[in-house]
Protein backbone atom coordinates (compact mmCIF):
# COMPACT_ATOMS: atom_id res chain seq x y z
CA MET A 1 33.81 24.90 17.87
CA ALA A 2 33.48 21.14 18.46
CA LYS A 3 33.05 18.83 15.48
CA GLN A 4 31.23 15.57 14.91
CA THR A 5 32.48 13.57 11.96
CA LYS A 6 30.44 11.59 9.48
CA LYS A 7 31.00 10.86 5.81
CA ALA A 8 28.79 12.41 3.13
CA PRO A 9 28.95 12.95 -0.64
CA ALA A 10 30.66 16.06 -1.93
CA ARG A 11 28.37 18.36 -3.88
CA ARG A 12 28.87 18.03 -7.62
CA LYS A 13 29.86 21.36 -9.15
CA SER A 14 28.19 22.31 -12.42
CA THR A 15 30.44 22.82 -15.44
CA THR A 16 30.24 25.93 -17.58
CA SER A 17 32.54 24.85 -20.44
CA ARG A 18 30.05 22.38 -21.90
CA SER A 19 26.49 22.73 -23.03
CA LYS A 20 23.70 21.69 -20.66
CA LYS A 21 22.87 18.82 -22.99
CA ALA A 22 26.42 17.51 -22.94
CA ASP A 23 26.59 17.96 -19.19
CA ARG A 24 23.43 15.89 -18.69
CA LYS A 25 24.92 13.13 -20.85
CA SER A 26 28.12 13.03 -18.79
CA VAL A 27 26.15 12.91 -15.54
CA SER A 28 24.02 10.09 -16.92
CA ALA A 29 27.16 8.19 -17.86
CA GLU A 30 28.61 8.68 -14.38
CA MET A 31 25.49 7.36 -12.69
CA THR A 32 25.54 4.09 -14.67
CA VAL A 33 28.99 3.18 -13.36
CA VAL A 34 29.18 1.33 -10.04
CA PRO A 35 32.45 2.24 -8.28
CA GLU A 36 34.58 -0.20 -6.37
CA LYS A 37 33.85 1.62 -3.12
CA LEU A 38 31.63 4.42 -1.81
CA SER A 39 32.16 6.51 1.29
CA LEU A 40 30.63 9.51 3.05
CA SER A 41 32.46 12.28 4.87
CA GLN A 42 30.94 15.36 6.54
CA GLU A 43 31.67 17.47 9.59
CA PHE A 44 28.87 18.79 11.79
CA ASP A 45 29.28 22.01 13.74
CA THR A 46 28.36 21.70 17.41
CA TYR A 47 27.60 24.48 19.89
CA PRO A 48 27.79 23.22 23.51
CA ALA A 49 26.29 25.10 26.44
CA GLY A 50 28.56 27.32 28.49
CA LYS A 51 31.13 27.79 25.73
CA TYR A 52 30.35 31.34 24.58
CA THR A 53 30.33 34.72 26.30
CA HIS A 54 28.37 37.78 25.27
CA GLN A 55 31.59 39.60 24.37
CA GLU A 56 32.59 36.83 21.96
CA LEU A 57 29.22 37.13 20.27
CA GLY A 58 29.46 40.91 19.93
CA LEU A 59 26.68 41.62 22.45
CA SER A 60 26.58 44.58 24.80
CA GLU A 61 25.52 44.25 28.43
CA ASP A 62 22.31 46.13 27.65
CA GLN A 63 21.51 43.64 24.88
CA VAL A 64 21.99 40.71 27.26
CA ILE A 65 19.68 42.31 29.81
CA ALA A 66 17.10 42.94 27.06
CA MET A 67 17.35 39.27 26.06
CA TYR A 68 16.71 38.24 29.65
CA ARG A 69 13.66 40.49 29.79
CA ASN A 70 12.28 39.09 26.56
CA MET A 71 12.73 35.49 27.69
CA LEU A 72 10.99 36.36 30.93
CA LEU A 73 8.19 38.07 28.99
CA GLN A 74 7.62 34.89 27.00
CA ARG A 75 7.50 32.83 30.21
CA ARG A 76 5.13 35.12 32.12
CA PHE A 77 2.95 35.63 29.03
CA GLU A 78 2.42 31.90 28.65
CA GLU A 79 1.91 31.28 32.35
CA ARG A 80 -0.88 33.86 32.26
CA ALA A 81 -2.24 32.39 29.01
CA ALA A 82 -2.47 28.98 30.70
CA GLN A 83 -4.45 30.60 33.52
CA MET A 84 -6.79 32.30 31.05
CA TYR A 85 -7.26 28.99 29.22
CA GLY A 86 -8.34 27.41 32.51
CA LYS A 87 -10.88 30.23 32.90
CA GLN A 88 -12.15 29.50 29.37
CA LYS A 89 -11.13 32.93 28.15
CA ILE A 90 -9.03 31.20 25.48
CA ALA A 91 -10.65 28.58 23.27
CA GLY A 92 -9.27 25.93 20.94
CA PHE A 93 -5.76 24.63 21.49
CA LEU A 94 -2.91 26.11 23.51
CA HIS A 95 0.64 24.82 23.05
CA LEU A 96 3.09 26.40 25.47
CA TYR A 97 6.74 27.18 24.71
CA ILE A 98 7.86 27.18 28.34
CA GLY A 99 11.46 25.94 28.53
CA GLN A 100 12.31 26.78 24.92
CA GLU A 101 12.63 30.57 25.21
CA ALA A 102 16.36 30.60 24.51
CA ILE A 103 15.69 29.35 20.97
CA SER A 104 13.31 32.12 19.98
CA THR A 105 15.34 34.83 21.71
CA GLY A 106 18.68 33.60 20.40
CA THR A 107 17.34 33.39 16.86
CA ALA A 108 15.80 36.86 16.95
CA ASN A 109 19.07 38.35 18.22
CA ALA A 110 21.09 36.71 15.44
CA MET A 111 18.82 37.49 12.47
CA GLU A 112 18.05 40.81 10.80
CA ILE A 113 14.43 41.38 11.84
CA GLY A 114 12.41 42.88 9.03
CA LYS A 115 14.80 41.55 6.39
CA ASP A 116 14.97 37.85 7.21
CA SER A 117 11.83 35.70 7.34
CA LEU A 118 10.68 33.20 9.96
CA ILE A 119 7.98 30.55 9.90
CA THR A 120 7.08 28.00 12.56
CA ALA A 121 4.46 25.52 13.72
CA TYR A 122 1.72 26.00 16.31
CA ARG A 123 4.06 26.49 19.33
CA ASP A 124 4.53 30.04 18.12
CA HIS A 125 4.05 32.55 20.95
CA GLY A 126 7.73 32.68 21.88
CA HIS A 127 8.92 33.38 18.35
CA ALA A 128 6.34 36.13 17.93
CA LEU A 129 7.29 37.91 21.15
CA ALA A 130 11.01 37.53 20.43
CA LEU A 131 10.61 39.18 17.03
CA GLY A 132 8.83 42.16 18.55
CA MET A 133 5.10 41.39 18.63
CA SER A 134 3.45 43.12 21.57
CA ALA A 135 1.92 41.15 24.42
CA ASN A 136 -1.33 43.02 23.69
CA GLU A 137 -1.52 41.72 20.11
CA GLY A 138 -0.69 38.18 21.21
CA MET A 139 -3.13 37.96 24.11
CA ALA A 140 -5.95 39.59 22.15
CA GLU A 141 -5.43 37.05 19.38
CA MET A 142 -5.82 34.17 21.79
CA PHE A 143 -8.94 35.81 23.16
CA GLY A 144 -10.32 35.93 19.59
CA LYS A 145 -10.48 39.72 19.56
CA ALA A 146 -10.14 42.15 16.66
CA GLY A 147 -7.07 43.74 18.26
CA GLY A 148 -5.14 40.49 17.87
CA CYS A 149 -2.23 40.00 15.48
CA SER A 150 -4.47 37.98 13.13
CA LYS A 151 -7.57 40.06 13.86
CA GLY A 152 -8.88 37.39 16.20
CA LYS A 153 -9.29 34.79 13.44
CA GLY A 154 -6.18 32.71 14.02
CA GLY A 155 -6.00 32.10 17.74
CA SER A 156 -3.03 30.60 19.55
CA MET A 157 -1.75 28.53 16.62
CA HIS A 158 -1.78 31.24 13.96
CA PHE A 159 0.25 34.25 15.05
CA PHE A 160 1.35 36.44 12.13
CA ASP A 161 3.44 39.58 12.08
CA LYS A 162 3.95 40.99 8.59
CA GLU A 163 6.13 43.91 9.72
CA ASN A 164 8.62 41.62 11.44
CA ARG A 165 8.29 38.98 8.70
CA MET A 166 6.88 36.23 10.91
CA PHE A 167 4.71 34.17 8.59
CA GLY A 168 2.99 31.85 11.07
CA GLY A 169 1.97 29.92 13.28
CA HIS A 170 0.77 26.82 11.32
CA GLY A 171 -1.36 23.93 12.54
CA ILE A 172 -0.67 21.19 9.98
CA VAL A 173 2.38 19.27 11.15
CA GLY A 174 5.34 19.86 8.86
CA ALA A 175 3.29 21.47 6.09
CA HIS A 176 4.73 24.96 6.67
CA VAL A 177 8.34 23.91 6.01
CA PRO A 178 7.93 23.84 2.20
CA VAL A 179 6.43 27.32 2.54
CA GLY A 180 9.58 28.38 4.36
CA VAL A 181 11.74 27.00 1.57
CA GLY A 182 9.52 28.88 -0.90
CA MET A 183 10.20 32.03 1.08
CA ALA A 184 13.92 31.34 0.75
CA PHE A 185 13.44 30.98 -3.00
CA ALA A 186 11.72 34.38 -3.01
CA HIS A 187 14.64 35.96 -1.13
CA LYS A 188 17.09 34.54 -3.68
CA TYR A 189 14.91 35.51 -6.64
CA LYS A 190 14.53 39.08 -5.41
CA GLU A 191 18.22 39.28 -4.45
CA ASP A 192 17.24 41.11 -1.26
CA GLY A 193 19.85 39.43 0.94
CA GLY A 194 17.25 37.86 3.25
CA VAL A 195 17.26 34.38 4.76
CA ALA A 196 14.24 32.21 5.56
CA ILE A 197 14.29 30.19 8.80
CA ALA A 198 11.74 27.39 9.20
CA PHE A 199 11.20 25.81 12.63
CA TYR A 200 9.50 22.47 13.27
CA GLY A 201 9.34 19.97 16.11
CA ASP A 202 11.00 16.59 16.45
CA GLY A 203 7.60 14.95 15.99
CA ALA A 204 7.34 16.55 12.56
CA ALA A 205 10.83 15.49 11.47
CA GLY A 206 9.57 12.36 9.75
CA GLN A 207 7.00 14.15 7.61
CA GLY A 208 7.66 13.71 3.91
CA ALA A 209 7.02 17.37 3.14
CA ILE A 210 10.04 18.37 5.22
CA HIS A 211 12.34 16.04 3.32
CA GLU A 212 10.98 17.22 -0.03
CA ALA A 213 11.62 20.78 1.08
CA ALA A 214 15.16 19.94 2.22
CA ASN A 215 15.87 18.35 -1.17
CA LEU A 216 14.67 21.44 -3.04
CA MET A 217 16.62 23.69 -0.68
CA SER A 218 19.75 21.78 -1.63
CA ILE A 219 19.10 21.61 -5.38
CA TYR A 220 18.38 25.33 -5.71
CA GLU A 221 21.07 26.35 -3.18
CA LEU A 222 18.65 28.55 -1.25
CA PRO A 223 19.25 30.97 1.64
CA ALA A 224 17.35 28.72 4.04
CA ILE A 225 17.81 27.27 7.51
CA LEU A 226 15.63 24.33 8.58
CA VAL A 227 15.57 23.97 12.36
CA VAL A 228 14.19 21.06 14.33
CA GLU A 229 13.38 22.14 17.90
CA ASN A 230 14.01 18.79 19.52
CA ASN A 231 12.11 18.98 22.81
CA GLN A 232 12.40 15.20 23.15
CA TYR A 233 8.78 14.04 23.08
CA ALA A 234 6.62 15.19 20.13
CA MET A 235 3.04 14.77 21.39
CA GLY A 236 4.12 12.08 23.83
CA THR A 237 6.46 9.71 22.02
CA ALA A 238 10.15 9.90 22.91
CA VAL A 239 12.51 10.61 20.03
CA HIS A 240 14.35 7.28 20.35
CA ARG A 241 11.07 5.40 19.90
CA ALA A 242 10.19 7.23 16.69
CA PHE A 243 13.41 7.54 14.67
CA GLY A 244 16.20 5.22 13.63
CA GLN A 245 18.55 8.21 13.31
CA THR A 246 18.10 10.43 16.32
CA GLU A 247 21.03 12.71 15.42
CA PHE A 248 18.84 15.03 13.36
CA SER A 249 21.80 17.12 12.25
CA HIS A 250 23.17 14.06 10.44
CA TRP A 251 20.16 14.06 8.13
CA ALA A 252 21.82 17.00 6.39
CA ALA A 253 24.23 14.53 4.78
CA SER A 254 21.36 13.08 2.75
CA TYR A 255 20.88 16.43 1.03
CA SER A 256 24.52 17.55 0.80
CA VAL A 257 23.91 20.58 3.00
CA ARG A 258 25.53 21.87 6.17
CA GLY A 259 24.43 20.26 9.45
CA SER A 260 24.75 21.60 13.00
CA VAL A 261 23.47 21.05 16.53
CA ALA A 262 23.03 23.64 19.30
CA ASP A 263 22.03 23.57 22.96
CA GLY A 264 18.61 25.18 23.23
CA MET A 265 18.95 25.66 26.97
CA ASP A 266 21.74 28.21 26.46
CA VAL A 267 20.80 31.38 24.58
CA PHE A 268 24.44 32.08 23.66
CA SER A 269 24.76 28.65 22.05
CA VAL A 270 21.71 29.39 19.91
CA ILE A 271 22.97 32.84 18.92
CA LYS A 272 26.36 31.50 17.81
CA ALA A 273 24.77 28.62 15.87
CA MET A 274 22.38 31.00 14.15
CA GLN A 275 25.07 33.58 13.40
CA ASP A 276 27.10 30.93 11.58
CA ALA A 277 24.09 29.46 9.76
CA LEU A 278 22.88 32.89 8.66
CA ALA A 279 26.31 33.79 7.32
CA GLU A 280 26.34 30.58 5.28
CA ALA A 281 22.76 31.09 4.08
CA ARG A 282 23.51 34.60 2.83
CA ASP A 283 26.04 32.87 0.58
CA ASN A 284 23.25 30.52 -0.59
CA LYS A 285 24.52 27.61 1.50
CA PRO A 286 21.58 26.14 3.45
CA THR A 287 21.73 24.43 6.84
CA MET A 288 19.75 21.72 8.58
CA MET A 289 20.05 22.49 12.29
CA GLU A 290 19.00 20.61 15.38
CA ILE A 291 18.46 22.58 18.60
CA ARG A 292 18.13 20.33 21.64
CA THR A 293 15.75 21.69 24.22
CA TYR A 294 13.09 20.62 26.73
CA ARG A 295 9.53 21.75 27.29
CA TYR A 296 8.35 21.94 30.88
CA ARG A 297 4.65 21.74 30.07
CA GLY A 298 2.66 19.17 28.13
CA HIS A 299 2.26 19.03 24.39
CA SER A 300 -0.96 20.99 24.87
CA MET A 301 -3.13 21.92 27.82
CA SER A 302 -4.93 18.55 27.71
CA ASP A 303 -1.72 16.51 27.95
CA PRO A 304 -1.52 14.40 31.17
CA GLN A 305 2.24 13.89 30.56
CA LYS A 306 2.26 10.24 31.63
CA TYR A 307 5.14 9.50 29.27
CA ARG A 308 7.77 11.07 31.56
CA THR A 309 8.53 10.89 35.24
CA LYS A 310 8.38 13.69 37.79
CA GLU A 311 12.02 13.01 38.62
CA GLU A 312 13.05 13.59 35.01
CA LEU A 313 11.09 16.83 34.82
CA ASP A 314 12.53 18.12 38.10
CA ALA A 315 16.07 17.31 36.99
CA LYS A 316 15.58 19.16 33.71
CA LYS A 317 14.37 22.27 35.53
CA ASN A 318 17.96 22.76 36.68
CA GLU A 319 18.78 23.51 33.03
CA ASP A 320 16.12 26.24 32.74
CA PRO A 321 17.43 28.70 30.11
CA ILE A 322 16.09 31.72 32.01
CA LEU A 323 17.78 30.68 35.24
CA ARG A 324 20.97 29.97 33.30
CA LEU A 325 21.00 33.48 31.82
CA LYS A 326 20.13 35.02 35.18
CA ALA A 327 23.11 33.23 36.75
CA TYR A 328 25.33 34.51 33.93
CA LEU A 329 24.18 38.09 34.48
CA LEU A 330 24.97 37.89 38.19
CA GLU A 331 28.24 35.99 37.79
CA HIS A 332 29.57 38.54 35.29
CA THR A 333 28.28 41.44 37.44
CA ILE A 334 26.27 42.78 34.52
CA THR A 335 23.42 43.56 36.91
CA ASP A 336 22.15 42.66 40.37
CA GLU A 337 19.28 40.77 41.99
CA LYS A 338 17.35 43.94 42.75
CA THR A 339 17.37 45.02 39.11
CA LEU A 340 16.36 41.54 37.92
CA ASP A 341 13.47 41.50 40.42
CA ALA A 342 12.35 44.87 39.08
CA ILE A 343 12.44 43.51 35.52
CA ASP A 344 10.25 40.58 36.57
CA ASP A 345 7.76 42.93 38.23
CA ASP A 346 7.67 45.09 35.09
CA VAL A 347 7.09 42.05 32.86
CA LYS A 348 4.26 40.81 35.07
CA GLU A 349 2.58 44.22 34.84
CA GLU A 350 2.95 44.18 31.05
CA VAL A 351 1.35 40.75 30.83
CA MET A 352 -1.53 41.69 33.15
CA ALA A 353 -2.10 44.79 31.04
CA SER A 354 -2.30 42.55 27.96
CA VAL A 355 -5.04 40.50 29.60
CA GLU A 356 -6.96 43.68 30.35
CA PHE A 357 -6.43 44.84 26.77
CA ALA A 358 -7.73 41.53 25.44
CA GLU A 359 -10.75 41.57 27.75
CA ASN A 360 -11.71 45.08 26.64
CA SER A 361 -11.03 44.65 22.93
CA PRO A 362 -14.04 44.22 20.63
CA ALA A 363 -14.83 40.96 18.91
CA PRO A 364 -14.29 40.85 15.14
CA ASP A 365 -17.16 42.30 13.13
CA LEU A 366 -19.34 39.53 11.71
CA ASP A 367 -19.30 41.30 8.33
CA ALA A 368 -15.54 40.70 8.19
CA ILE A 369 -15.84 36.92 8.44
CA TYR A 370 -14.57 36.35 4.88
CA ASP A 371 -12.03 39.18 4.83
CA ASP A 372 -8.44 38.01 4.43
CA VAL A 373 -9.71 34.52 3.61
CA TYR A 374 -10.93 34.61 0.01
CA ASP A 375 -9.58 36.79 -2.78
CA SER A 376 -12.91 37.18 -4.56
CA ARG A 377 -15.17 39.77 -2.95
CA GLU A 378 -18.34 38.25 -4.40
CA TYR A 379 -17.75 34.76 -2.93
CA PRO A 380 -19.72 33.14 -5.82
CA PHE A 381 -18.68 29.70 -4.58
CA LEU A 382 -20.71 30.28 -1.41
CA ALA A 383 -23.92 31.21 -3.21
């Protein structure tokens, strides 16, 4: 794989021949001495688009076709959700993942679903569907119905799937990342072999909570992967206008952890990057990863998108991860156009069925308004 080079401090190894007290004294003595020169050295793993084949990644042809179907399901699901939002069937906020489907699908195909844990921000539909949530559960949740994945109480931003260990869907920018690191601590404490993956956007990268979490991840040597989905714009501010260091993978040097960068428009790039990061994490070596991607819709449904030009958007559509995978399938004669058209028709039917399911599902019972919210059944604090 390609390498980027930057200097970073080597991790100090703990000594076992001395007492903890003596060790602390020696460290204190070291820190009072100013050396003649300091330097940093660290390599960053890079995963360019078009470099990997499905055979190299250990994927069968059927798995690649299933990945294509899932990416298409995410796309059609969100296109229909946008339509339902316009019809006021969906209330609140709606943040679409369109353009970023290779990240969710690549991650799900690299991790051990049900063993590893995943947590993300409010652009969460793609991750949920990639991990195995049904379109019915997702659409019903956005409709605020009892048949939804969060019983109609979470809406678009709060998808949860306990069985597949997806722990949100969170609305407070960056605040879920320490929770993800806590989940990694739990995996290590229980010695269950699981890894926690926490996703956040480039707009959240400057939040202090993320850096505190990264520091703890490093100190405790946790099975954790922190992933910034860099879709270039946050709510509407370009990355280069918000950060002095726009190579997010390089931030790993500050915490003496592994750093890497993948191409989020190529599902194979994501899979390879995640395979490597997961292998490291299972050995309690955390990673800070940047996945470079592009969203084709606004930050939310109310975004006029005046911060980018139509020409830029049109040019980026040539990098569409779904079209890229479709071209790969045809080029490698894994399938044909007729089969791919049939898959699209099948996905559209599944999504339309989810809308019908959501429409016909009952609303949550008013008596259940405090269920799954407060631990105390008496709610004395509400009296």
